[in-house]
C-alpha atoms as a PDB file:
ATOM      1  CA  MET A   1      72.803 213.120 152.340  1.00  0.00           C
ATOM      2  CA  PRO A   2      72.245 216.213 154.848  1.00  0.00           C
ATOM      3  CA  VAL A   3      69.676 219.374 153.837  1.00  0.00           C
ATOM      4  CA  GLU A   4      72.000 222.484 153.471  1.00  0.00           C
ATOM      5  CA  TYR A   5      69.710 225.518 154.850  1.00  0.00           C
ATOM      6  CA  LEU A   6      70.958 228.696 153.047  1.00  0.00           C
ATOM      7  CA  THR A   7      68.469 231.054 154.302  1.00  0.00           C
ATOM      8  CA  PRO A   8      66.971 231.672 157.742  1.00  0.00           C
ATOM      9  CA  GLY A   9      63.294 230.304 158.240  1.00  0.00           C
ATOM     10  CA  VAL A  10      61.337 227.375 159.652  1.00  0.00           C
ATOM     11  CA  TYR A  11      61.722 224.205 158.118  1.00  0.00           C
ATOM     12  CA  VAL A  12      60.097 220.803 158.414  1.00  0.00           C
ATOM     13  CA  GLU A  13      62.150 217.874 158.127  1.00  0.00           C
ATOM     14  CA  GLU A  14      61.215 214.019 158.235  1.00  0.00           C
ATOM     15  CA  ILE A  15      63.503 211.899 159.608  1.00  0.00           C
ATOM     16  CA  ASP A  16      62.886 207.884 159.114  1.00  0.00           C
ATOM     17  CA  SER A  17      63.093 206.284 162.504  1.00  0.00           C
ATOM     18  CA  GLY A  18      63.381 203.017 161.116  1.00  0.00           C
ATOM     19  CA  MET A  19      59.814 202.179 162.389  1.00  0.00           C
ATOM     20  CA  LYS A  20      57.322 200.648 160.322  1.00  0.00           C
ATOM     21  CA  PRO A  21      53.370 200.969 160.780  1.00  0.00           C
ATOM     22  CA  ILE A  22      51.496 197.633 162.278  1.00  0.00           C
ATOM     23  CA  ALA A  23      49.242 196.601 158.993  1.00  0.00           C
ATOM     24  CA  GLY A  24      45.531 196.402 160.246  1.00  0.00           C
ATOM     25  CA  VAL A  25      43.790 192.992 160.639  1.00  0.00           C
ATOM     26  CA  GLY A  26      40.602 192.758 159.201  1.00  0.00           C
ATOM     27  CA  THR A  27      37.624 191.493 161.698  1.00  0.00           C
ATOM     28  CA  SER A  28      34.731 191.583 159.367  1.00  0.00           C
ATOM     29  CA  THR A  29      34.899 188.431 157.509  1.00  0.00           C
ATOM     30  CA  ALA A  30      31.175 186.994 156.926  1.00  0.00           C
ATOM     31  CA  ALA A  31      29.963 183.688 156.771  1.00  0.00           C
ATOM     32  CA  ILE A  32      26.947 183.153 155.276  1.00  0.00           C
ATOM     33  CA  ILE A  33      24.384 180.595 154.407  1.00  0.00           C
ATOM     34  CA  GLY A  34      21.407 180.649 151.927  1.00  0.00           C
ATOM     35  CA  GLU A  35      19.210 178.840 149.665  1.00  0.00           C
ATOM     36  CA  ALA A  36      19.941 179.110 145.767  1.00  0.00           C
ATOM     37  CA  ALA A  37      18.461 176.235 143.664  1.00  0.00           C
ATOM     38  CA  ASP A  38      20.722 173.877 141.779  1.00  0.00           C
ATOM     39  CA  ASP A  39      19.526 175.416 138.221  1.00  0.00           C
ATOM     40  CA  VAL A  40      20.438 178.762 138.679  1.00  0.00           C
ATOM     41  CA  THR A  41      21.303 180.652 135.240  1.00  0.00           C
ATOM     42  CA  MET A  42      25.292 180.829 135.677  1.00  0.00           C
ATOM     43  CA  PRO A  43      26.923 183.450 133.471  1.00  0.00           C
ATOM     44  CA  ALA A  44      29.210 182.146 130.697  1.00  0.00           C
ATOM     45  CA  GLN A  45      32.750 181.977 130.972  1.00  0.00           C
ATOM     46  CA  PRO A  46      35.319 184.300 128.966  1.00  0.00           C
ATOM     47  CA  GLY A  47      36.390 182.587 125.840  1.00  0.00           C
ATOM     48  CA  LYS A  48      34.795 178.958 126.470  1.00  0.00           C
ATOM     49  CA  PHE A  49      32.392 177.374 124.544  1.00  0.00           C
ATOM     50  CA  THR A  50      30.252 174.564 124.922  1.00  0.00           C
ATOM     51  CA  THR A  51      31.634 171.095 123.201  1.00  0.00           C
ATOM     52  CA  ASP A  52      29.848 167.572 122.276  1.00  0.00           C
ATOM     53  CA  ALA A  53      31.066 164.397 123.389  1.00  0.00           C
ATOM     54  CA  ALA A  54      33.680 164.342 120.422  1.00  0.00           C
ATOM     55  CA  GLY A  55      35.007 167.829 121.623  1.00  0.00           C
ATOM     56  CA  VAL A  56      33.410 169.835 118.524  1.00  0.00           C
ATOM     57  CA  VAL A  57      32.000 173.401 119.854  1.00  0.00           C
ATOM     58  CA  VAL A  58      28.481 173.320 119.542  1.00  0.00           C
ATOM     59  CA  LYS A  59      26.680 175.936 117.635  1.00  0.00           C
ATOM     60  CA  ASP A  60      23.531 177.676 118.267  1.00  0.00           C
ATOM     61  CA  ASP A  61      20.936 178.139 115.158  1.00  0.00           C
ATOM     62  CA  LYS A  62      22.449 181.453 114.099  1.00  0.00           C
ATOM     63  CA  GLY A  63      25.607 179.580 113.588  1.00  0.00           C
ATOM     64  CA  HIS A  64      27.106 181.304 117.014  1.00  0.00           C
ATOM     65  CA  PRO A  65      29.171 179.225 119.273  1.00  0.00           C
ATOM     66  CA  VAL A  66      27.334 178.245 122.868  1.00  0.00           C
ATOM     67  CA  PRO A  67      29.159 180.143 125.568  1.00  0.00           C
ATOM     68  CA  LEU A  68      30.280 177.460 128.377  1.00  0.00           C
ATOM     69  CA  PRO A  69      28.356 178.976 131.629  1.00  0.00           C
ATOM     70  CA  TYR A  70      30.338 178.262 135.023  1.00  0.00           C
ATOM     71  CA  ALA A  71      29.349 175.541 137.148  1.00  0.00           C
ATOM     72  CA  PRO A  72      27.563 176.566 140.356  1.00  0.00           C
ATOM     73  CA  THR A  73      29.162 175.503 143.841  1.00  0.00           C
ATOM     74  CA  PRO A  74      28.110 172.373 145.294  1.00  0.00           C
ATOM     75  CA  ALA A  75      25.136 172.972 147.825  1.00  0.00           C
ATOM     76  CA  GLY A  76      26.746 172.791 151.148  1.00  0.00           C
ATOM     77  CA  GLU A  77      30.141 173.756 150.417  1.00  0.00           C
ATOM     78  CA  PRO A  78      31.510 177.051 152.126  1.00  0.00           C
ATOM     79  CA  LYS A  79      33.381 178.987 149.225  1.00  0.00           C
ATOM     80  CA  LEU A  80      35.427 182.072 149.805  1.00  0.00           C
ATOM     81  CA  ILE A  81      34.058 185.260 148.142  1.00  0.00           C
ATOM     82  CA  THR A  82      35.876 188.609 147.737  1.00  0.00           C
ATOM     83  CA  SER A  83      33.774 190.512 145.325  1.00  0.00           C
ATOM     84  CA  TRP A  84      30.190 190.672 143.804  1.00  0.00           C
ATOM     85  CA  GLU A  85      31.621 189.382 140.379  1.00  0.00           C
ATOM     86  CA  SER A  86      33.346 186.493 141.848  1.00  0.00           C
ATOM     87  CA  PHE A  87      29.833 185.269 143.975  1.00  0.00           C
ATOM     88  CA  LYS A  88      27.928 185.776 140.516  1.00  0.00           C
ATOM     89  CA  ASN A  89      30.733 183.709 139.018  1.00  0.00           C
ATOM     90  CA  HIS A  90      30.036 180.648 141.829  1.00  0.00           C
ATOM     91  CA  PHE A  91      26.323 181.414 142.519  1.00  0.00           C
ATOM     92  CA  GLY A  92      24.562 183.269 139.470  1.00  0.00           C
ATOM     93  CA  ASP A  93      23.443 186.977 139.381  1.00  0.00           C
ATOM     94  CA  PHE A  94      20.162 188.110 140.872  1.00  0.00           C
ATOM     95  CA  GLN A  95      17.481 185.608 139.816  1.00  0.00           C
ATOM     96  CA  ALA A  96      14.390 184.121 141.301  1.00  0.00           C
ATOM     97  CA  GLY A  97      16.504 180.799 142.362  1.00  0.00           C
ATOM     98  CA  ASN A  98      18.368 182.775 144.743  1.00  0.00           C
ATOM     99  CA  MET A  99      17.279 186.221 145.090  1.00  0.00           C
ATOM    100  CA  ARG A 100      17.506 186.452 148.922  1.00  0.00           C
ATOM    101  CA  LEU A 101      21.052 184.875 149.122  1.00  0.00           C
ATOM    102  CA  ALA A 102      22.368 187.452 146.326  1.00  0.00           C
ATOM    103  CA  HIS A 103      20.479 190.605 147.962  1.00  0.00           C
ATOM    104  CA  ALA A 104      22.340 189.791 151.321  1.00  0.00           C
ATOM    105  CA  VAL A 105      25.874 189.464 149.624  1.00  0.00           C
ATOM    106  CA  TYR A 106      25.360 192.506 147.404  1.00  0.00           C
ATOM    107  CA  GLY A 107      24.472 194.639 150.425  1.00  0.00           C
ATOM    108  CA  PHE A 108      27.821 192.948 152.248  1.00  0.00           C
ATOM    109  CA  PHE A 109      30.062 194.194 149.245  1.00  0.00           C
ATOM    110  CA  ASN A 110      28.446 197.418 148.579  1.00  0.00           C
ATOM    111  CA  ASN A 111      28.904 198.444 152.088  1.00  0.00           C
ATOM    112  CA  GLY A 112      32.589 197.794 152.064  1.00  0.00           C
ATOM    113  CA  GLY A 113      32.845 193.811 152.859  1.00  0.00           C
ATOM    114  CA  THR A 114      35.716 192.335 151.724  1.00  0.00           C
ATOM    115  CA  ARG A 115      35.843 188.446 152.244  1.00  0.00           C
ATOM    116  CA  ALA A 116      32.813 186.281 152.766  1.00  0.00           C
ATOM    117  CA  TRP A 117      32.728 182.219 153.153  1.00  0.00           C
ATOM    118  CA  ILE A 118      29.656 181.495 151.404  1.00  0.00           C
ATOM    119  CA  ALA A 119      27.431 178.234 151.299  1.00  0.00           C
ATOM    120  CA  ARG A 120      24.380 177.829 149.272  1.00  0.00           C
ATOM    121  CA  LEU A 121      21.749 175.037 150.365  1.00  0.00           C
ATOM    122  CA  GLY A 122      18.811 173.984 147.720  1.00  0.00           C
ATOM    123  CA  HIS A 123      15.494 175.105 148.082  1.00  0.00           C
ATOM    124  CA  GLY A 124      13.300 173.841 151.373  1.00  0.00           C
ATOM    125  CA  ALA A 125      16.789 172.645 153.201  1.00  0.00           C
ATOM    126  CA  GLU A 126      15.821 171.182 156.462  1.00  0.00           C
ATOM    127  CA  PRO A 127      17.612 172.608 159.605  1.00  0.00           C
ATOM    128  CA  ARG A 128      20.001 169.845 159.843  1.00  0.00           C
ATOM    129  CA  ASP A 129      21.420 170.775 156.720  1.00  0.00           C
ATOM    130  CA  TYR A 130      21.955 174.412 158.102  1.00  0.00           C
ATOM    131  CA  GLN A 131      23.736 172.457 160.879  1.00  0.00           C
ATOM    132  CA  THR A 132      26.099 170.986 158.772  1.00  0.00           C
ATOM    133  CA  VAL A 133      27.071 173.987 157.249  1.00  0.00           C
ATOM    134  CA  LEU A 134      27.798 175.745 160.787  1.00  0.00           C
ATOM    135  CA  ASP A 135      29.779 172.739 161.832  1.00  0.00           C
ATOM    136  CA  ARG A 136      31.845 173.231 158.464  1.00  0.00           C
ATOM    137  CA  PHE A 137      32.456 177.006 159.375  1.00  0.00           C
ATOM    138  CA  ARG A 138      33.972 176.243 162.925  1.00  0.00           C
ATOM    139  CA  ALA A 139      37.189 175.243 161.307  1.00  0.00           C
ATOM    140  CA  ILE A 140      37.422 179.020 159.351  1.00  0.00           C
ATOM    141  CA  ASP A 141      38.917 180.932 161.714  1.00  0.00           C
ATOM    142  CA  GLU A 142      38.686 184.495 160.274  1.00  0.00           C
ATOM    143  CA  ILE A 143      35.098 184.510 160.204  1.00  0.00           C
ATOM    144  CA  SER A 144      33.786 187.328 162.923  1.00  0.00           C
ATOM    145  CA  LEU A 145      29.937 187.637 161.393  1.00  0.00           C
ATOM    146  CA  VAL A 146      27.629 184.664 161.010  1.00  0.00           C
ATOM    147  CA  VAL A 147      24.512 185.403 158.526  1.00  0.00           C
ATOM    148  CA  VAL A 148      21.553 183.387 157.778  1.00  0.00           C
ATOM    149  CA  PRO A 149      19.419 185.381 155.632  1.00  0.00           C
ATOM    150  CA  GLY A 150      15.597 184.339 155.957  1.00  0.00           C
ATOM    151  CA  ALA A 151      16.359 181.553 158.802  1.00  0.00           C
ATOM    152  CA  SER A 152      13.811 180.525 160.456  1.00  0.00           C
ATOM    153  CA  LEU A 153      13.556 180.713 164.459  1.00  0.00           C
ATOM    154  CA  GLU A 154      15.177 177.121 164.925  1.00  0.00           C
ATOM    155  CA  VAL A 155      17.966 177.773 162.342  1.00  0.00           C
ATOM    156  CA  GLN A 156      18.533 181.128 164.156  1.00  0.00           C
ATOM    157  CA  ASP A 157      18.702 179.332 167.395  1.00  0.00           C
ATOM    158  CA  MET A 158      21.436 176.789 165.864  1.00  0.00           C
ATOM    159  CA  VAL A 159      23.413 180.236 164.628  1.00  0.00           C
ATOM    160  CA  LEU A 160      23.405 181.604 168.518  1.00  0.00           C
ATOM    161  CA  ASN A 161      24.579 178.214 169.641  1.00  0.00           C
ATOM    162  CA  HIS A 162      27.012 178.345 167.362  1.00  0.00           C
ATOM    163  CA  CYS A 163      28.537 181.704 168.117  1.00  0.00           C
ATOM    164  CA  GLU A 164      28.187 181.383 171.949  1.00  0.00           C
ATOM    165  CA  ASP A 165      30.406 178.097 171.656  1.00  0.00           C
ATOM    166  CA  VAL A 166      33.425 178.552 174.160  1.00  0.00           C
ATOM    167  CA  TYR A 167      35.429 178.145 171.218  1.00  0.00           C
ATOM    168  CA  LEU A 168      33.642 180.720 168.749  1.00  0.00           C
ATOM    169  CA  GLN A 169      32.773 183.674 171.124  1.00  0.00           C
ATOM    170  CA  ASP A 170      34.263 186.091 168.556  1.00  0.00           C
ATOM    171  CA  ARG A 171      31.719 185.750 166.286  1.00  0.00           C
ATOM    172  CA  PHE A 172      28.536 187.405 165.974  1.00  0.00           C
ATOM    173  CA  ALA A 173      25.231 186.671 164.613  1.00  0.00           C
ATOM    174  CA  ILE A 174      23.394 188.581 162.110  1.00  0.00           C
ATOM    175  CA  LEU A 175      19.553 187.975 162.311  1.00  0.00           C
ATOM    176  CA  ASP A 176      16.547 188.901 160.449  1.00  0.00           C
ATOM    177  CA  GLY A 177      13.126 189.799 161.484  1.00  0.00           C
ATOM    178  CA  GLN A 178      10.545 186.702 161.163  1.00  0.00           C
ATOM    179  CA  PRO A 179       8.380 187.431 158.080  1.00  0.00           C
ATOM    180  CA  VAL A 180       4.888 188.165 159.408  1.00  0.00           C
ATOM    181  CA  VAL A 181       1.567 188.579 156.930  1.00  0.00           C
ATOM    182  CA  ASP A 182      -0.681 190.367 159.457  1.00  0.00           C
ATOM    183  CA  LEU A 183       0.638 192.069 162.477  1.00  0.00           C
ATOM    184  CA  THR A 184      -1.501 191.441 165.815  1.00  0.00           C
ATOM    185  CA  LYS A 185      -0.650 192.702 168.998  1.00  0.00           C
ATOM    186  CA  GLU A 186       0.244 189.284 170.154  1.00  0.00           C
ATOM    187  CA  ARG A 187       2.542 188.819 167.265  1.00  0.00           C
ATOM    188  CA  PHE A 188       4.357 191.841 168.426  1.00  0.00           C
ATOM    189  CA  ARG A 189       4.430 190.906 171.883  1.00  0.00           C
ATOM    190  CA  VAL A 190       6.174 187.479 171.031  1.00  0.00           C
ATOM    191  CA  ASP A 191       8.235 189.211 168.473  1.00  0.00           C
ATOM    192  CA  CYS A 192       9.740 191.543 171.030  1.00  0.00           C
ATOM    193  CA  GLU A 193      10.066 188.656 173.545  1.00  0.00           C
ATOM    194  CA  ILE A 194      12.334 186.838 170.991  1.00  0.00           C
ATOM    195  CA  ALA A 195      14.230 189.852 170.419  1.00  0.00           C
ATOM    196  CA  ILE A 196      14.649 190.350 174.177  1.00  0.00           C
ATOM    197  CA  VAL A 197      16.102 186.803 174.685  1.00  0.00           C
ATOM    198  CA  ALA A 198      18.297 187.193 171.816  1.00  0.00           C
ATOM    199  CA  MET A 199      19.581 190.185 173.218  1.00  0.00           C
ATOM    200  CA  ALA A 200      19.854 188.591 176.645  1.00  0.00           C
ATOM    201  CA  ARG A 201      21.789 186.053 175.322  1.00  0.00           C
ATOM    202  CA  PHE A 202      24.364 188.221 173.925  1.00  0.00           C
ATOM    203  CA  ILE A 203      24.759 190.517 176.750  1.00  0.00           C
ATOM    204  CA  ILE A 204      25.385 187.697 179.198  1.00  0.00           C
ATOM    205  CA  ARG A 205      27.894 186.122 176.364  1.00  0.00           C
ATOM    206  CA  GLY A 206      29.741 189.627 176.683  1.00  0.00           C
ATOM    207  CA  PHE A 207      29.879 189.413 180.361  1.00  0.00           C
ATOM    208  CA  ARG A 208      31.311 186.058 180.445  1.00  0.00           C
ATOM    209  CA  SER A 209      33.953 186.775 177.875  1.00  0.00           C
ATOM    210  CA  THR A 210      35.353 190.091 179.582  1.00  0.00           C
ATOM    211  CA  SER A 211      34.836 188.369 183.186  1.00  0.00           C
ATOM    212  CA  ARG A 212      37.826 185.745 182.020  1.00  0.00           C
END
């Protein structure tokens, strides 16, 4: 009903125009590939306990039921993760068997990330294993960032090729620097050349996208 103003003055009245704001759409869904061993220690599932073949709950030396741990996500299978807690339940908490991957994912969520498709590979995975996962990421349209922490130069080139694909050019590759034991002038020169080539590929890609 109309507002009745009884005294002189300045009043602010909000009138509903009927128009609703457009909801924002996230553009930072990440795809992350990293190494994680098959035997990483997994957290226990709340309220679930290990049973034997006869279905009897197994107890430890003190007579306490043995908690049933989560099963790790199979190697090479992309899994949608929406929080750090969810990552721990599928890939394990910080430990030697998944350290680099865990740090990358923790940093992603700690800096405001909300959605990540994560795939693990066993230690010593071959470049072709990374390519297989990248091929599986092709069908996931929401991905906009591709991250492979600790990747070799060969795998990094695969990531760049993936993001340069004519159908995937809305994706960006985030690349690590290569580990160096002794930094020499020659090594520094080579690393600079690699960085320049990667940046040139990025600029050319952007030019092609804007010139269409």
